[in-house]
Amino acid sequence: MAEQRVVPLTCHGHSRPVTHLNFSPAVDHDQFYMISGCKDNNPMLRDGITGDWIGTFIGHKGAVWQVRISDCASMAATASADFSAKIWDCNTGECLATLQHEHIVRTIAFPPNNHPLMVATGGFEKKLRIFDISQYRTSSRVPASASGSALVNSSSNDANSNSSESPTSPDGITSQVSDAGIFEVGEGVHKGAIKSIIWLPSDTLVTIADDNKIRWFDIRTQSLLKDYELTGTIGSCEMNPDGTVISVAAGKTAYFFSGVEPGQLIKKVETKYDVSCVAYHAEKRQFVVGGSSDTWVRIYDYNTGKELEVNRGHHGPVWTVAMTPDGKMYGTGSEDGTVKLWKFTQDPYGLWK
């Protein structure tokens, strides 16, 4: 049964198409945060429940294609068309590190389990690389590592946000990083631009690329474990909040892979429309998709593939969709430059109370 239709919350502030959304895990008293990437060069941090603006990270000179928040919600990472990726302090808005590349950076990922001293990047160079952030810091500050760090307006200065301790890196990775703070995984494997990366707890990296492949790599051996050929234009690749399913959009198909077993396709659902992004809700057994051919957000039954609901509100193609960590809301970002938050529960929630 479809949920009662409600008016979504609209988050204004961006001036060009929104390219990517990411929600942090719940950190302090069930609070979580949302970051949005945009072609206006200015990623924004917001309260994940209300959509209220917290701050804007200033510094990129090109479109920001992908954005991530670390598990402890103390840092953000952005991938940009200005040939760089940047790491930001969520307490102050300060740029902690700039990772220079030789071409457009399309994707970035933090390690799970609050080990944010490294990030993986990919893009038009067709290279999957891991960077040691500590060797690229552009300020004297050490990234905060405490879980549940308070986030404040980016223009303010939190005197208590300095940390004298750095989080440790995942076992076995530090020793592989070169003197330049970089090492490549799966050298020469990708034949197209890398569009998304997921970093799994099992020391496995998952990528999708414009060569129509999803791939699983072992970080320790830097080798390819599995791959799977997708059909159609590559869209999004995201892990659902509970870490069990990887959802991939390609062509008119939503693919669902195991979040634990590399290469295991659980299910794929064919739709009538071009699918640019997909987010899966494990408990409801439903998934949400956005598309490039219209302005609507569609909800499907995971078991039957039946379309359950169509939500209207955007005025351009929907490029990104993300589920909140509590599963009671999802966010969408569109060509129209807005982010919308949609209630996904029948109970009172957030500003719908």
Protein backbone atom coordinates (compact mmCIF):
# COMPACT_ATOMS: atom_id res chain seq x y z
CA MET A 1 0.00 0.00 0.00
CA ALA A 2 1.40 3.40 -0.99
CA GLU A 3 1.98 5.94 1.74
CA GLN A 4 -0.39 8.87 2.18
CA ARG A 5 0.64 11.56 -0.27
CA VAL A 6 2.28 14.55 1.38
CA VAL A 7 3.91 17.73 0.10
CA PRO A 8 7.72 17.35 0.05
CA LEU A 9 10.11 19.78 1.71
CA THR A 10 11.99 21.84 -0.87
CA CYS A 11 15.58 22.88 -0.14
CA HIS A 12 16.59 25.93 -2.16
CA GLY A 13 20.04 27.49 -2.42
CA HIS A 14 21.71 25.86 -5.39
CA SER A 15 21.75 27.77 -8.68
CA ARG A 16 22.40 24.90 -11.09
CA PRO A 17 21.52 21.18 -11.42
CA VAL A 18 21.97 19.04 -8.29
CA THR A 19 24.21 16.07 -9.08
CA HIS A 20 24.40 14.00 -5.88
CA LEU A 21 23.02 13.61 -2.35
CA ASN A 22 24.46 11.74 0.61
CA PHE A 23 23.10 11.30 4.14
CA SER A 24 25.36 10.63 7.11
CA PRO A 25 24.57 7.81 9.53
CA ALA A 26 22.70 8.87 12.67
CA VAL A 27 25.30 10.26 15.07
CA ASP A 28 23.97 12.05 18.15
CA HIS A 29 20.42 11.53 19.50
CA ASP A 30 19.35 10.16 16.09
CA GLN A 31 20.51 13.35 14.35
CA PHE A 32 21.92 13.01 10.85
CA TYR A 33 23.08 15.33 8.07
CA MET A 34 22.78 15.69 4.31
CA ILE A 35 25.29 17.00 1.79
CA SER A 36 24.42 17.98 -1.78
CA GLY A 37 26.69 18.30 -4.81
CA CYS A 38 25.86 20.71 -7.62
CA LYS A 39 27.14 22.11 -10.90
CA ASP A 40 27.29 25.54 -9.22
CA ASN A 41 30.61 24.42 -7.61
CA ASN A 42 29.28 24.85 -4.06
CA PRO A 43 28.38 21.73 -2.04
CA MET A 44 25.97 22.42 0.83
CA LEU A 45 25.60 20.81 4.25
CA ARG A 46 22.07 20.58 5.74
CA ASP A 47 20.19 19.14 8.66
CA GLY A 48 19.12 15.74 7.37
CA ILE A 49 15.68 15.79 8.99
CA THR A 50 14.51 19.37 8.33
CA GLY A 51 16.65 20.27 5.33
CA ASP A 52 17.79 23.46 7.06
CA TRP A 53 20.98 24.94 5.62
CA ILE A 54 24.04 24.62 7.86
CA GLY A 55 26.88 25.76 5.63
CA THR A 56 28.43 25.85 2.16
CA PHE A 57 31.90 24.52 1.36
CA ILE A 58 33.66 27.18 -0.73
CA GLY A 59 36.71 26.41 -2.85
CA HIS A 60 35.91 24.35 -5.95
CA LYS A 61 36.19 25.98 -9.37
CA GLY A 62 34.13 23.41 -11.27
CA ALA A 63 30.98 21.32 -10.96
CA VAL A 64 30.88 19.05 -7.93
CA TRP A 65 29.88 15.59 -9.18
CA GLN A 66 29.78 13.56 -5.99
CA VAL A 67 29.70 14.24 -2.24
CA ARG A 68 30.16 12.06 0.85
CA ILE A 69 30.05 12.43 4.63
CA SER A 70 32.28 10.27 6.84
CA ASP A 71 30.61 7.75 9.15
CA CYS A 72 31.32 9.93 12.19
CA ALA A 73 29.93 12.99 10.35
CA SER A 74 33.02 15.05 11.12
CA MET A 75 34.32 15.31 7.55
CA ALA A 76 32.94 15.69 4.04
CA ALA A 77 34.52 14.75 0.71
CA THR A 78 33.78 16.21 -2.72
CA ALA A 79 34.74 15.21 -6.28
CA SER A 80 34.86 17.96 -8.88
CA ALA A 81 35.26 18.85 -12.55
CA ASP A 82 38.10 21.21 -11.55
CA PHE A 83 40.43 18.15 -11.54
CA SER A 84 40.45 17.90 -7.77
CA ALA A 85 38.86 16.23 -4.78
CA LYS A 86 38.63 18.04 -1.47
CA ILE A 87 38.23 17.00 2.16
CA TRP A 88 36.34 19.37 4.47
CA ASP A 89 35.88 19.85 8.20
CA CYS A 90 32.13 19.74 8.87
CA ASN A 91 32.53 21.75 12.07
CA THR A 92 34.11 24.80 10.45
CA GLY A 93 33.75 24.41 6.69
CA GLU A 94 37.55 24.51 6.40
CA CYS A 95 39.26 22.65 3.55
CA LEU A 96 41.52 20.04 5.17
CA ALA A 97 43.05 18.56 2.01
CA THR A 98 43.08 19.03 -1.75
CA LEU A 99 43.79 15.94 -3.87
CA GLN A 100 44.91 17.07 -7.31
CA HIS A 101 44.13 14.92 -10.38
CA GLU A 102 44.88 15.18 -14.09
CA HIS A 103 41.26 15.05 -15.24
CA ILE A 104 37.67 15.39 -13.97
CA VAL A 105 37.00 13.59 -10.68
CA ARG A 106 33.55 11.97 -10.73
CA THR A 107 33.46 10.00 -7.50
CA ILE A 108 34.90 9.76 -4.00
CA ALA A 109 34.39 7.41 -1.04
CA PHE A 110 35.39 7.28 2.62
CA PRO A 111 36.30 3.99 4.32
CA PRO A 112 33.54 2.67 6.61
CA ASN A 113 33.70 2.36 10.40
CA ASN A 114 35.11 5.83 11.11
CA HIS A 115 38.52 5.43 9.48
CA PRO A 116 38.48 8.69 7.53
CA LEU A 117 42.22 9.27 7.03
CA MET A 118 41.92 7.78 3.54
CA VAL A 119 39.63 8.24 0.56
CA ALA A 120 39.20 6.47 -2.77
CA THR A 121 38.69 8.50 -5.95
CA GLY A 122 37.87 7.85 -9.60
CA GLY A 123 36.93 9.73 -12.73
CA PHE A 124 37.96 10.46 -16.30
CA GLU A 125 41.52 9.25 -15.67
CA LYS A 126 40.02 5.71 -15.45
CA LYS A 127 42.13 5.13 -12.34
CA LEU A 128 40.85 3.84 -8.99
CA ARG A 129 43.17 5.27 -6.34
CA ILE A 130 43.41 5.51 -2.57
CA PHE A 131 44.83 8.68 -1.02
CA ASP A 132 46.31 9.11 2.45
CA ILE A 133 44.66 12.37 3.47
CA SER A 134 47.24 13.11 6.17
CA GLN A 135 49.88 13.72 3.50
CA TYR A 136 47.70 16.21 1.64
CA ARG A 137 46.41 18.41 4.45
CA THR A 138 46.21 22.06 3.46
CA SER A 139 45.89 23.27 7.04
CA SER A 140 47.51 22.48 10.38
CA ARG A 141 44.30 21.01 11.76
CA VAL A 142 44.00 17.28 12.31
CA PRO A 143 40.63 15.87 11.15
CA ALA A 144 38.27 15.32 14.08
CA SER A 145 37.60 11.67 14.79
CA ALA A 146 35.07 11.70 17.61
CA SER A 147 31.73 10.15 16.73
CA GLY A 148 28.80 12.53 16.87
CA SER A 149 30.72 15.77 16.36
CA ALA A 150 28.44 18.78 16.43
CA LEU A 151 28.05 20.49 13.08
CA VAL A 152 27.86 24.29 13.00
CA ASN A 153 27.47 27.01 10.43
CA SER A 154 30.50 26.95 8.15
CA SER A 155 31.26 30.61 8.85
CA SER A 156 31.78 29.97 12.59
CA ASN A 157 34.85 28.67 14.38
CA ASP A 158 34.41 25.83 16.89
CA ALA A 159 37.32 26.06 19.31
CA ASN A 160 36.54 22.61 20.66
CA SER A 161 36.66 20.84 17.31
CA ASN A 162 40.45 20.41 17.28
CA SER A 163 41.51 16.87 17.99
CA SER A 164 44.92 15.81 19.17
CA GLU A 165 44.41 12.27 17.95
CA SER A 166 44.00 10.97 14.41
CA PRO A 167 41.86 7.93 13.60
CA THR A 168 43.81 4.86 12.64
CA SER A 169 43.79 3.57 9.07
CA PRO A 170 42.30 0.20 8.13
CA ASP A 171 44.68 -2.68 8.75
CA GLY A 172 46.95 -3.50 5.85
CA ILE A 173 46.33 -0.34 3.85
CA THR A 174 48.81 2.09 5.38
CA SER A 175 51.78 -0.06 4.42
CA GLN A 176 50.71 -0.06 0.75
CA VAL A 177 50.46 3.70 0.35
CA SER A 178 53.42 5.15 -1.51
CA ASP A 179 55.63 7.99 -0.29
CA ALA A 180 53.36 10.33 -2.27
CA GLY A 181 50.38 9.10 -0.25
CA ILE A 182 48.69 7.31 -3.17
CA PHE A 183 48.28 3.81 -4.48
CA GLU A 184 46.24 2.49 -7.40
CA VAL A 185 43.85 -0.46 -7.25
CA GLY A 186 43.18 -2.54 -10.38
CA GLU A 187 45.63 -0.72 -12.62
CA GLY A 188 44.48 -0.67 -16.26
CA VAL A 189 41.20 -2.50 -15.62
CA HIS A 190 38.74 0.33 -16.23
CA LYS A 191 38.13 1.18 -19.89
CA GLY A 192 35.76 4.07 -19.20
CA ALA A 193 35.36 6.90 -16.74
CA ILE A 194 34.66 5.72 -13.17
CA LYS A 195 31.31 7.17 -12.09
CA SER A 196 30.84 5.82 -8.57
CA ILE A 197 32.76 4.06 -5.78
CA ILE A 198 31.51 2.20 -2.69
CA TRP A 199 33.99 1.23 0.04
CA LEU A 200 32.82 -1.93 1.83
CA PRO A 201 33.82 -3.01 5.37
CA SER A 202 35.44 -6.14 3.91
CA ASP A 203 38.32 -4.11 2.40
CA THR A 204 36.55 -4.28 -0.96
CA LEU A 205 35.97 -1.41 -3.36
CA VAL A 206 33.01 -1.46 -5.75
CA THR A 207 33.01 0.70 -8.89
CA ILE A 208 30.77 1.40 -11.86
CA ALA A 209 32.23 2.87 -15.03
CA ASP A 210 31.20 4.08 -18.47
CA ASP A 211 32.46 0.80 -19.95
CA ASN A 212 29.18 -0.64 -18.57
CA LYS A 213 30.78 -2.74 -15.85
CA ILE A 214 30.32 -2.97 -12.11
CA ARG A 215 33.48 -4.34 -10.48
CA TRP A 216 34.65 -5.56 -7.09
CA PHE A 217 38.31 -5.07 -6.07
CA ASP A 218 40.33 -6.49 -3.18
CA ILE A 219 42.18 -3.57 -1.61
CA ARG A 220 44.91 -5.69 0.00
CA THR A 221 45.95 -7.40 -3.24
CA GLN A 222 44.89 -4.46 -5.45
CA SER A 223 43.25 -6.99 -7.77
CA LEU A 224 39.91 -7.49 -9.49
CA LEU A 225 37.62 -9.98 -7.73
CA LYS A 226 34.47 -9.96 -9.85
CA ASP A 227 32.74 -7.97 -12.56
CA TYR A 228 29.27 -7.84 -14.09
CA GLU A 229 28.17 -6.26 -17.37
CA LEU A 230 25.31 -3.76 -17.19
CA THR A 231 22.95 -2.71 -19.98
CA GLY A 232 22.27 0.90 -20.93
CA THR A 233 23.53 4.28 -19.79
CA ILE A 234 25.19 4.06 -16.39
CA GLY A 235 23.51 6.02 -13.60
CA SER A 236 23.92 5.75 -9.83
CA CYS A 237 25.51 3.10 -7.59
CA GLU A 238 24.73 3.31 -3.88
CA MET A 239 24.63 1.13 -0.76
CA ASN A 240 21.35 1.06 1.16
CA PRO A 241 21.60 2.34 4.77
CA ASP A 242 21.77 -1.10 6.42
CA GLY A 243 24.67 -2.19 4.20
CA THR A 244 23.00 -5.27 2.72
CA VAL A 245 22.23 -4.25 -0.87
CA ILE A 246 24.03 -2.26 -3.58
CA SER A 247 21.52 -0.54 -5.88
CA VAL A 248 22.60 0.32 -9.43
CA ALA A 249 20.76 2.28 -12.14
CA ALA A 250 21.57 1.52 -15.79
CA GLY A 251 19.39 2.08 -18.82
CA LYS A 252 15.81 1.21 -17.87
CA THR A 253 16.90 -1.33 -15.24
CA ALA A 254 17.38 -1.22 -11.48
CA TYR A 255 19.99 -3.80 -10.37
CA PHE A 256 20.35 -5.07 -6.81
CA PHE A 257 23.62 -6.75 -5.76
CA SER A 258 24.66 -8.26 -2.45
CA GLY A 259 26.46 -5.85 -0.16
CA VAL A 260 28.41 -8.76 1.32
CA GLU A 261 29.15 -11.28 -1.45
CA PRO A 262 31.17 -9.77 -4.35
CA GLY A 263 29.50 -10.15 -7.74
CA GLN A 264 26.25 -11.66 -6.47
CA LEU A 265 23.24 -10.27 -8.37
CA ILE A 266 20.16 -10.61 -6.17
CA LYS A 267 17.58 -9.16 -8.52
CA LYS A 268 17.03 -6.80 -11.42
CA VAL A 269 13.82 -4.98 -12.28
CA GLU A 270 13.04 -3.70 -15.76
CA THR A 271 11.02 -0.47 -15.95
CA LYS A 272 9.37 1.44 -18.78
CA TYR A 273 11.51 4.51 -18.17
CA ASP A 274 15.14 5.59 -18.19
CA VAL A 275 16.51 5.12 -14.67
CA SER A 276 19.21 7.57 -13.61
CA CYS A 277 19.23 6.79 -9.87
CA VAL A 278 17.79 4.24 -7.45
CA ALA A 279 17.55 3.83 -3.66
CA TYR A 280 16.34 0.67 -1.90
CA HIS A 281 14.41 0.34 1.39
CA ALA A 282 15.06 -3.14 2.79
CA GLU A 283 12.33 -3.22 5.43
CA LYS A 284 9.56 -1.96 3.13
CA ARG A 285 10.83 -4.03 0.20
CA GLN A 286 10.39 -0.99 -2.01
CA PHE A 287 12.73 1.12 -4.11
CA VAL A 288 12.64 4.69 -5.36
CA VAL A 289 13.91 5.80 -8.77
CA GLY A 290 14.47 9.04 -10.63
CA GLY A 291 14.88 9.34 -14.36
CA SER A 292 16.41 11.43 -17.11
CA SER A 293 13.38 11.40 -19.41
CA ASP A 294 10.81 13.05 -17.11
CA THR A 295 10.51 14.98 -13.82
CA TRP A 296 8.81 12.36 -11.68
CA VAL A 297 9.94 10.21 -8.77
CA ARG A 298 8.59 6.65 -8.87
CA ILE A 299 8.22 4.06 -6.12
CA TYR A 300 8.25 0.34 -6.99
CA ASP A 301 7.51 -2.87 -5.16
CA TYR A 302 10.80 -4.78 -4.93
CA ASN A 303 9.20 -8.24 -5.00
CA THR A 304 6.82 -7.75 -7.93
CA GLY A 305 8.41 -4.87 -9.84
CA LYS A 306 5.03 -3.11 -9.85
CA GLU A 307 4.92 0.68 -9.87
CA LEU A 308 3.22 1.80 -6.64
CA GLU A 309 3.32 5.57 -6.71
CA VAL A 310 4.43 8.57 -8.77
CA ASN A 311 5.54 11.72 -6.94
CA ARG A 312 5.51 15.02 -8.78
CA GLY A 313 7.25 18.19 -7.70
CA HIS A 314 10.53 18.59 -9.59
CA HIS A 315 10.74 20.63 -12.79
CA GLY A 316 13.66 18.79 -14.36
CA PRO A 317 15.16 15.29 -14.61
CA VAL A 318 15.96 13.66 -11.27
CA TRP A 319 19.66 12.77 -11.09
CA THR A 320 20.06 11.52 -7.52
CA VAL A 321 18.02 9.82 -4.81
CA ALA A 322 19.14 8.79 -1.31
CA MET A 323 17.42 7.09 1.62
CA THR A 324 17.81 8.52 5.15
CA PRO A 325 19.51 6.26 7.73
CA ASP A 326 16.22 5.71 9.59
CA GLY A 327 14.39 4.89 6.35
CA LYS A 328 11.56 7.32 7.12
CA MET A 329 12.40 9.80 4.37
CA TYR A 330 14.29 10.02 1.11
CA GLY A 331 15.87 12.92 -0.74
CA THR A 332 16.01 13.73 -4.44
CA GLY A 333 18.11 16.18 -6.43
CA SER A 334 17.17 17.52 -9.83
CA GLU A 335 18.18 19.43 -12.92
CA ASP A 336 15.91 22.19 -11.56
CA GLY A 337 18.52 23.04 -8.88
CA THR A 338 16.44 21.93 -5.90
CA VAL A 339 16.66 19.17 -3.32
CA LYS A 340 13.37 17.70 -2.13
CA LEU A 341 12.77 15.61 0.98
CA TRP A 342 9.88 13.14 0.82
CA LYS A 343 8.26 11.49 3.86
CA PHE A 344 8.39 7.69 3.55
CA THR A 345 6.41 6.66 6.61
CA GLN A 346 2.76 6.86 7.68
CA ASP A 347 3.79 8.06 11.14
CA PRO A 348 4.34 11.74 12.00
CA TYR A 349 7.93 12.65 11.19
CA GLY A 350 10.16 15.72 11.20
CA LEU A 351 8.41 18.84 9.98
CA TRP A 352 5.36 16.74 9.05
CA LYS A 353 4.55 16.19 12.75
